[in-house]
Amino acid sequence: MADNEIKEVKDQLQELKALVTAGSKNVLSVNDLHLLSGLSKSHIYKLVCSRKIPHYKSEGGKLIYFRKDEVENWLCAIRVPTATETDRAAVAHCVNNPIEKGGKYAG
């Protein structure tokens, strides 16, 4: 194995170790959140600054932490329905709100 291949394998193992470690924590740092979510660190700081993501600060206010369960709920807060679900909702709406004579909705 060439030196560059060995280095690449070591780098991948380090990344895997970091992911496993971050995944087992209940309280995440910015770096942990970056690894687990794929969000860039700068975007995470922007979300914190604008108070769009639930977070905690250390007593001195320099360190930022996130509860894993809160971040997971935040990440999954806005569910986008599938095309099939949207089609079914449209059909149900049309069935439940028929058009009156003259082209006006009954509902």
N, C-alpha and C. Protein backbone atom coordinates (compact mmCIF):
# COMPACT_ATOMS: atom_id res chain seq x y z
N MET A 1 0.85 -1.17 0.00
CA MET A 1 0.00 0.00 0.00
C MET A 1 0.90 1.24 0.00
N ALA A 2 0.58 2.18 -0.84
CA ALA A 2 1.38 3.40 -0.94
C ALA A 2 1.10 4.32 0.25
N ASP A 3 2.05 5.22 0.51
CA ASP A 3 1.92 6.14 1.63
C ASP A 3 0.65 6.99 1.55
N ASN A 4 0.29 7.45 0.35
CA ASN A 4 -0.91 8.28 0.22
C ASN A 4 -2.18 7.47 0.48
N GLU A 5 -2.17 6.18 0.14
CA GLU A 5 -3.32 5.32 0.43
C GLU A 5 -3.45 5.09 1.93
N ILE A 6 -2.32 4.89 2.60
CA ILE A 6 -2.33 4.70 4.05
C ILE A 6 -2.86 5.95 4.74
N LYS A 7 -2.40 7.12 4.28
CA LYS A 7 -2.87 8.38 4.86
C LYS A 7 -4.38 8.54 4.65
N GLU A 8 -4.85 8.17 3.46
CA GLU A 8 -6.28 8.29 3.16
C GLU A 8 -7.10 7.37 4.07
N VAL A 9 -6.62 6.15 4.29
CA VAL A 9 -7.32 5.22 5.18
C VAL A 9 -7.32 5.75 6.61
N LYS A 10 -6.20 6.29 7.07
CA LYS A 10 -6.13 6.87 8.41
C LYS A 10 -7.10 8.03 8.56
N ASP A 11 -7.17 8.89 7.55
CA ASP A 11 -8.09 10.03 7.58
C ASP A 11 -9.54 9.55 7.66
N GLN A 12 -9.86 8.52 6.88
CA GLN A 12 -11.22 7.99 6.90
C GLN A 12 -11.55 7.37 8.25
N LEU A 13 -10.59 6.69 8.85
CA LEU A 13 -10.81 6.11 10.17
C LEU A 13 -11.01 7.20 11.23
N GLN A 14 -10.26 8.28 11.13
CA GLN A 14 -10.42 9.40 12.06
C GLN A 14 -11.81 10.01 11.93
N GLU A 15 -12.26 10.18 10.68
CA GLU A 15 -13.59 10.76 10.44
C GLU A 15 -14.68 9.83 10.98
N LEU A 16 -14.52 8.52 10.75
CA LEU A 16 -15.48 7.55 11.26
C LEU A 16 -15.51 7.55 12.78
N LYS A 17 -14.35 7.64 13.40
CA LYS A 17 -14.26 7.70 14.86
C LYS A 17 -14.98 8.95 15.39
N ALA A 18 -14.77 10.08 14.73
CA ALA A 18 -15.43 11.33 15.14
C ALA A 18 -16.94 11.21 15.00
N LEU A 19 -17.42 10.59 13.93
CA LEU A 19 -18.86 10.42 13.73
C LEU A 19 -19.46 9.51 14.80
N VAL A 20 -18.79 8.41 15.10
CA VAL A 20 -19.29 7.49 16.11
C VAL A 20 -19.32 8.18 17.48
N THR A 21 -18.27 8.91 17.80
CA THR A 21 -18.21 9.62 19.07
C THR A 21 -19.32 10.66 19.17
N ALA A 22 -19.48 11.46 18.12
CA ALA A 22 -20.53 12.49 18.12
C ALA A 22 -21.91 11.87 18.19
N GLY A 23 -22.10 10.75 17.49
CA GLY A 23 -23.41 10.09 17.48
C GLY A 23 -23.81 9.51 18.82
N SER A 24 -22.84 9.23 19.67
CA SER A 24 -23.15 8.64 20.97
C SER A 24 -23.39 9.68 22.06
N LYS A 25 -23.18 10.94 21.75
CA LYS A 25 -23.35 12.01 22.74
C LYS A 25 -24.80 12.50 22.79
N ASN A 26 -25.21 12.99 23.96
CA ASN A 26 -26.51 13.63 24.10
C ASN A 26 -26.41 15.14 23.98
N VAL A 27 -25.24 15.67 24.32
CA VAL A 27 -24.97 17.10 24.21
C VAL A 27 -23.88 17.28 23.16
N LEU A 28 -24.16 18.11 22.17
CA LEU A 28 -23.27 18.25 21.01
C LEU A 28 -22.59 19.61 20.99
N SER A 29 -21.38 19.62 20.50
CA SER A 29 -20.68 20.88 20.24
C SER A 29 -21.01 21.30 18.80
N VAL A 30 -20.54 22.45 18.41
CA VAL A 30 -20.73 22.91 17.03
C VAL A 30 -20.11 21.91 16.07
N ASN A 31 -18.92 21.42 16.39
CA ASN A 31 -18.24 20.46 15.52
C ASN A 31 -19.03 19.15 15.42
N ASP A 32 -19.56 18.67 16.55
CA ASP A 32 -20.37 17.45 16.54
C ASP A 32 -21.60 17.64 15.66
N LEU A 33 -22.28 18.77 15.81
CA LEU A 33 -23.47 19.05 15.02
C LEU A 33 -23.12 19.13 13.54
N HIS A 34 -21.99 19.73 13.23
CA HIS A 34 -21.52 19.80 11.84
C HIS A 34 -21.33 18.40 11.27
N LEU A 35 -20.69 17.52 12.02
CA LEU A 35 -20.44 16.16 11.55
C LEU A 35 -21.73 15.37 11.36
N LEU A 36 -22.65 15.51 12.29
CA LEU A 36 -23.88 14.71 12.24
C LEU A 36 -24.91 15.23 11.26
N SER A 37 -24.99 16.54 11.10
CA SER A 37 -26.05 17.12 10.27
C SER A 37 -25.60 17.44 8.85
N GLY A 38 -24.30 17.65 8.67
CA GLY A 38 -23.82 18.07 7.36
C GLY A 38 -23.92 19.56 7.14
N LEU A 39 -24.45 20.29 8.13
CA LEU A 39 -24.52 21.74 8.04
C LEU A 39 -23.11 22.31 8.22
N SER A 40 -22.78 23.34 7.49
CA SER A 40 -21.46 23.96 7.66
C SER A 40 -21.42 24.66 9.02
N LYS A 41 -20.23 24.79 9.56
CA LYS A 41 -20.08 25.45 10.86
C LYS A 41 -20.53 26.90 10.78
N SER A 42 -20.24 27.58 9.67
CA SER A 42 -20.65 28.98 9.56
C SER A 42 -22.18 29.09 9.52
N HIS A 43 -22.84 28.13 8.88
CA HIS A 43 -24.31 28.16 8.85
C HIS A 43 -24.87 27.89 10.24
N ILE A 44 -24.25 26.99 10.98
CA ILE A 44 -24.69 26.72 12.36
C ILE A 44 -24.57 27.98 13.20
N TYR A 45 -23.45 28.69 13.08
CA TYR A 45 -23.29 29.94 13.84
C TYR A 45 -24.33 30.98 13.43
N LYS A 46 -24.68 31.05 12.14
CA LYS A 46 -25.72 31.98 11.69
C LYS A 46 -27.07 31.61 12.29
N LEU A 47 -27.37 30.30 12.34
CA LEU A 47 -28.63 29.85 12.94
C LEU A 47 -28.67 30.19 14.43
N VAL A 48 -27.55 30.04 15.10
CA VAL A 48 -27.47 30.38 16.53
C VAL A 48 -27.67 31.87 16.72
N CYS A 49 -26.97 32.66 15.91
CA CYS A 49 -27.05 34.12 16.03
C CYS A 49 -28.47 34.64 15.82
N SER A 50 -29.18 34.02 14.88
CA SER A 50 -30.54 34.46 14.59
C SER A 50 -31.58 33.71 15.44
N ARG A 51 -31.10 32.87 16.36
CA ARG A 51 -31.95 32.10 17.27
C ARG A 51 -32.95 31.23 16.52
N LYS A 52 -32.49 30.62 15.45
CA LYS A 52 -33.36 29.74 14.66
C LYS A 52 -33.17 28.27 15.02
N ILE A 53 -32.16 27.96 15.83
CA ILE A 53 -31.91 26.58 16.26
C ILE A 53 -31.80 26.58 17.78
N PRO A 54 -32.42 25.59 18.44
CA PRO A 54 -32.32 25.56 19.91
C PRO A 54 -30.89 25.26 20.34
N HIS A 55 -30.39 26.04 21.28
CA HIS A 55 -29.01 25.89 21.71
C HIS A 55 -28.83 26.38 23.14
N TYR A 56 -27.67 26.09 23.69
CA TYR A 56 -27.31 26.49 25.05
C TYR A 56 -25.91 27.08 25.01
N LYS A 57 -25.64 27.98 25.93
CA LYS A 57 -24.31 28.57 26.03
C LYS A 57 -23.70 28.23 27.38
N SER A 58 -22.38 28.16 27.40
CA SER A 58 -21.68 27.93 28.66
C SER A 58 -21.84 29.16 29.54
N GLU A 59 -21.46 29.04 30.78
CA GLU A 59 -21.64 30.14 31.72
C GLU A 59 -20.98 31.42 31.23
N GLY A 60 -19.81 31.33 30.66
CA GLY A 60 -19.14 32.51 30.13
C GLY A 60 -19.69 32.96 28.79
N GLY A 61 -20.50 32.12 28.16
CA GLY A 61 -21.12 32.48 26.90
C GLY A 61 -20.26 32.25 25.67
N LYS A 62 -19.08 31.65 25.85
CA LYS A 62 -18.19 31.46 24.71
C LYS A 62 -18.43 30.15 23.98
N LEU A 63 -18.88 29.13 24.70
CA LEU A 63 -19.11 27.83 24.09
C LEU A 63 -20.60 27.62 23.84
N ILE A 64 -20.91 26.97 22.71
CA ILE A 64 -22.29 26.72 22.33
C ILE A 64 -22.51 25.21 22.32
N TYR A 65 -23.63 24.79 22.89
CA TYR A 65 -23.97 23.38 22.93
C TYR A 65 -25.39 23.17 22.41
N PHE A 66 -25.66 21.95 22.00
CA PHE A 66 -26.96 21.58 21.47
C PHE A 66 -27.38 20.24 22.07
N ARG A 67 -28.64 20.13 22.44
CA ARG A 67 -29.16 18.83 22.87
C ARG A 67 -29.52 18.04 21.62
N LYS A 68 -29.03 16.84 21.54
CA LYS A 68 -29.22 16.02 20.35
C LYS A 68 -30.70 15.83 20.02
N ASP A 69 -31.52 15.53 21.03
CA ASP A 69 -32.94 15.30 20.78
C ASP A 69 -33.64 16.56 20.26
N GLU A 70 -33.26 17.73 20.78
CA GLU A 70 -33.86 18.98 20.32
C GLU A 70 -33.44 19.29 18.88
N VAL A 71 -32.19 19.03 18.56
CA VAL A 71 -31.71 19.28 17.20
C VAL A 71 -32.39 18.34 16.21
N GLU A 72 -32.56 17.06 16.60
CA GLU A 72 -33.25 16.11 15.73
C GLU A 72 -34.69 16.56 15.48
N ASN A 73 -35.36 17.01 16.54
CA ASN A 73 -36.74 17.51 16.38
C ASN A 73 -36.76 18.75 15.49
N TRP A 74 -35.80 19.63 15.67
CA TRP A 74 -35.71 20.85 14.87
C TRP A 74 -35.47 20.51 13.40
N LEU A 75 -34.56 19.57 13.15
CA LEU A 75 -34.25 19.18 11.77
C LEU A 75 -35.46 18.57 11.06
N CYS A 76 -36.31 17.89 11.82
CA CYS A 76 -37.46 17.21 11.23
C CYS A 76 -38.78 17.95 11.48
N ALA A 77 -38.71 19.22 11.82
CA ALA A 77 -39.90 19.98 12.20
C ALA A 77 -40.85 20.24 11.03
N ILE A 78 -40.31 20.46 9.87
CA ILE A 78 -41.16 20.79 8.72
C ILE A 78 -41.13 19.63 7.74
N ARG A 79 -42.17 18.84 7.81
CA ARG A 79 -42.27 17.67 6.94
C ARG A 79 -42.90 18.08 5.62
N VAL A 80 -42.29 17.67 4.54
CA VAL A 80 -42.82 17.95 3.20
C VAL A 80 -43.58 16.70 2.75
N PRO A 81 -44.87 16.84 2.45
CA PRO A 81 -45.64 15.67 2.05
C PRO A 81 -45.19 15.13 0.69
N THR A 82 -45.39 13.83 0.51
CA THR A 82 -45.06 13.23 -0.78
C THR A 82 -46.07 13.68 -1.82
N ALA A 83 -45.76 13.46 -3.07
CA ALA A 83 -46.67 13.83 -4.15
C ALA A 83 -47.98 13.05 -4.02
N THR A 84 -47.91 11.80 -3.61
CA THR A 84 -49.12 10.99 -3.43
C THR A 84 -50.00 11.56 -2.33
N GLU A 85 -49.40 11.97 -1.22
CA GLU A 85 -50.16 12.57 -0.13
C GLU A 85 -50.83 13.87 -0.57
N THR A 86 -50.12 14.68 -1.34
CA THR A 86 -50.68 15.93 -1.84
C THR A 86 -51.84 15.66 -2.78
N ASP A 87 -51.68 14.67 -3.65
CA ASP A 87 -52.77 14.30 -4.58
C ASP A 87 -54.00 13.83 -3.82
N ARG A 88 -53.80 13.01 -2.80
CA ARG A 88 -54.94 12.51 -2.01
C ARG A 88 -55.64 13.65 -1.28
N ALA A 89 -54.87 14.59 -0.75
CA ALA A 89 -55.47 15.73 -0.06
C ALA A 89 -56.26 16.59 -1.03
N ALA A 90 -55.75 16.75 -2.26
CA ALA A 90 -56.46 17.54 -3.27
C ALA A 90 -57.78 16.87 -3.65
N VAL A 91 -57.75 15.56 -3.82
CA VAL A 91 -58.98 14.83 -4.16
C VAL A 91 -59.98 14.94 -3.02
N ALA A 92 -59.51 14.76 -1.78
CA ALA A 92 -60.41 14.86 -0.63
C ALA A 92 -61.02 16.26 -0.53
N HIS A 93 -60.21 17.28 -0.81
CA HIS A 93 -60.73 18.65 -0.78
C HIS A 93 -61.81 18.85 -1.83
N CYS A 94 -61.58 18.34 -3.03
CA CYS A 94 -62.56 18.49 -4.10
C CYS A 94 -63.85 17.74 -3.80
N VAL A 95 -63.75 16.57 -3.19
CA VAL A 95 -64.92 15.79 -2.84
C VAL A 95 -65.71 16.48 -1.73
N ASN A 96 -64.99 17.02 -0.75
CA ASN A 96 -65.65 17.64 0.40
C ASN A 96 -66.11 19.08 0.14
N ASN A 97 -65.64 19.71 -0.92
CA ASN A 97 -65.99 21.09 -1.23
C ASN A 97 -66.39 21.20 -2.70
N PRO A 98 -67.56 20.65 -3.03
CA PRO A 98 -67.97 20.68 -4.45
C PRO A 98 -68.25 22.11 -4.92
N ILE A 99 -68.12 22.31 -6.21
CA ILE A 99 -68.38 23.62 -6.82
C ILE A 99 -69.88 23.77 -7.04
N GLU A 100 -70.43 24.94 -6.60
CA GLU A 100 -71.86 25.22 -6.81
C GLU A 100 -72.07 25.65 -8.24
N LYS A 101 -73.33 25.67 -8.62
CA LYS A 101 -73.66 26.18 -9.94
C LYS A 101 -73.23 27.64 -10.02
N GLY A 102 -72.70 28.03 -11.11
CA GLY A 102 -72.22 29.40 -11.25
C GLY A 102 -70.73 29.50 -10.98
N GLY A 103 -70.07 28.39 -10.65
CA GLY A 103 -68.63 28.37 -10.52
C GLY A 103 -68.08 28.79 -9.16
N LYS A 104 -68.92 28.93 -8.15
CA LYS A 104 -68.42 29.34 -6.83
C LYS A 104 -68.32 28.14 -5.92
N TYR A 105 -67.32 28.14 -5.05
CA TYR A 105 -67.13 27.06 -4.10
C TYR A 105 -68.22 27.10 -3.04
N ALA A 106 -68.66 25.93 -2.63
CA ALA A 106 -69.67 25.83 -1.59
C ALA A 106 -69.07 26.11 -0.22
N GLY A 107 -67.76 25.80 -0.06
CA GLY A 107 -67.13 25.92 1.26
C GLY A 107 -66.60 27.22 1.48
